[in-house]
């Protein structure tokens, strides 16, 4: 995922895997970004952190359960919450 600001700052995210290509995954991503915004994190930082966290949560699921194909959107949010809490 590439994200950019109007003034040319570009962030390249490398977390995530094919398991994110599932129904509802984008809804989880927007919820993660929205929750970071609600915590007062600036917009670009929240978007970049949300994209990373979303992908990293999918990586946690893949590495802990060997599930990539058939990952459920409902599995991503708990993994993101766990990851966010251990990194805080």
Protein backbone atom coordinates (compact mmCIF):
# COMPACT_ATOMS: atom_id res chain seq x y z
CA UNK A 1 0.00 0.00 0.00
CA UNK A 2 1.26 3.46 -0.91
CA UNK A 3 -0.11 6.51 0.86
CA UNK A 4 0.77 10.10 0.02
CA UNK A 5 0.07 13.62 1.20
CA UNK A 6 -0.68 16.54 -1.09
CA UNK A 7 2.80 17.91 -0.44
CA UNK A 8 4.51 14.72 -1.64
CA UNK A 9 5.24 12.73 1.52
CA UNK A 10 4.92 9.04 0.60
CA UNK A 11 4.55 6.12 3.00
CA UNK A 12 5.06 2.57 1.74
CA UNK A 13 3.49 -0.18 3.83
CA UNK A 14 4.76 -3.74 3.46
CA UNK A 15 2.70 -5.50 6.14
CA UNK A 16 -0.19 -7.75 5.19
CA UNK A 17 -0.86 -10.71 2.98
CA UNK A 18 -3.41 -12.16 0.58
CA UNK A 19 -5.71 -13.03 3.49
CA UNK A 20 -6.83 -9.39 3.52
CA UNK A 21 -8.59 -9.93 0.20
CA UNK A 22 -11.82 -10.92 1.92
CA UNK A 23 -15.24 -9.40 2.39
CA UNK A 24 -15.32 -6.86 5.20
CA UNK A 25 -11.56 -6.41 5.46
CA UNK A 26 -11.80 -2.81 4.23
CA UNK A 27 -14.49 -2.12 6.82
CA UNK A 28 -12.11 -3.32 9.53
CA UNK A 29 -9.37 -1.09 8.10
CA UNK A 30 -11.58 1.99 8.13
CA UNK A 31 -12.66 1.16 11.69
CA UNK A 32 -9.03 0.91 12.80
CA UNK A 33 -8.19 4.25 11.18
CA UNK A 34 -11.32 5.84 12.67
CA UNK A 35 -10.42 4.60 16.13
CA UNK A 36 -6.90 6.03 15.83
CA UNK A 37 -8.37 9.37 14.74
CA UNK A 38 -10.73 9.28 17.73
CA UNK A 39 -7.65 8.87 19.96
CA UNK A 40 -6.35 12.19 18.64
CA UNK A 41 -3.71 10.86 16.27
CA UNK A 42 -3.13 13.22 13.29
CA UNK A 43 -4.82 12.17 10.03
CA UNK A 44 -1.83 11.02 7.95
CA UNK A 45 -0.21 9.30 10.92
CA UNK A 46 -3.49 7.54 11.79
CA UNK A 47 -3.95 6.41 8.19
CA UNK A 48 -0.39 5.07 7.94
CA UNK A 49 -0.55 3.40 11.35
CA UNK A 50 -3.97 1.92 10.58
CA UNK A 51 -2.80 0.44 7.28
CA UNK A 52 0.27 -1.01 8.99
CA UNK A 53 -1.74 -2.39 11.94
CA UNK A 54 -4.35 -3.93 9.63
CA UNK A 55 -1.65 -5.68 7.63
CA UNK A 56 0.36 -6.69 10.68
CA UNK A 57 -2.77 -8.22 12.24
CA UNK A 58 -3.23 -10.34 9.11
CA UNK A 59 0.42 -11.38 9.37
CA UNK A 60 -0.11 -12.41 13.00
CA UNK A 61 -3.10 -14.53 11.98
CA UNK A 62 -1.16 -16.12 9.13
CA UNK A 63 1.88 -16.95 11.24
CA UNK A 64 -0.04 -18.13 14.31
CA UNK A 65 -2.65 -20.26 12.56
CA UNK A 66 -1.21 -20.87 9.09
CA UNK A 67 -4.44 -19.34 7.68
CA UNK A 68 -4.12 -17.00 4.75
CA UNK A 69 -6.71 -18.10 2.22
CA UNK A 70 -10.13 -17.92 3.82
CA UNK A 71 -9.19 -15.42 6.54
CA UNK A 72 -12.31 -13.82 7.99
CA UNK A 73 -12.68 -10.09 8.52
CA UNK A 74 -13.92 -10.85 12.04
CA UNK A 75 -10.52 -12.35 12.86
CA UNK A 76 -8.60 -9.21 11.93
CA UNK A 77 -9.98 -6.82 14.59
CA UNK A 78 -9.10 -9.03 17.60
CA UNK A 79 -5.62 -9.61 16.20
CA UNK A 80 -5.19 -5.85 15.67
CA UNK A 81 -6.38 -5.16 19.23
CA UNK A 82 -3.93 -7.72 20.64
CA UNK A 83 -1.08 -6.29 18.58
CA UNK A 84 -1.91 -2.67 19.50
CA UNK A 85 -1.92 -3.56 23.19
CA UNK A 86 1.41 -5.39 23.17
CA UNK A 87 3.02 -2.50 21.27
CA UNK A 88 1.67 0.24 23.56
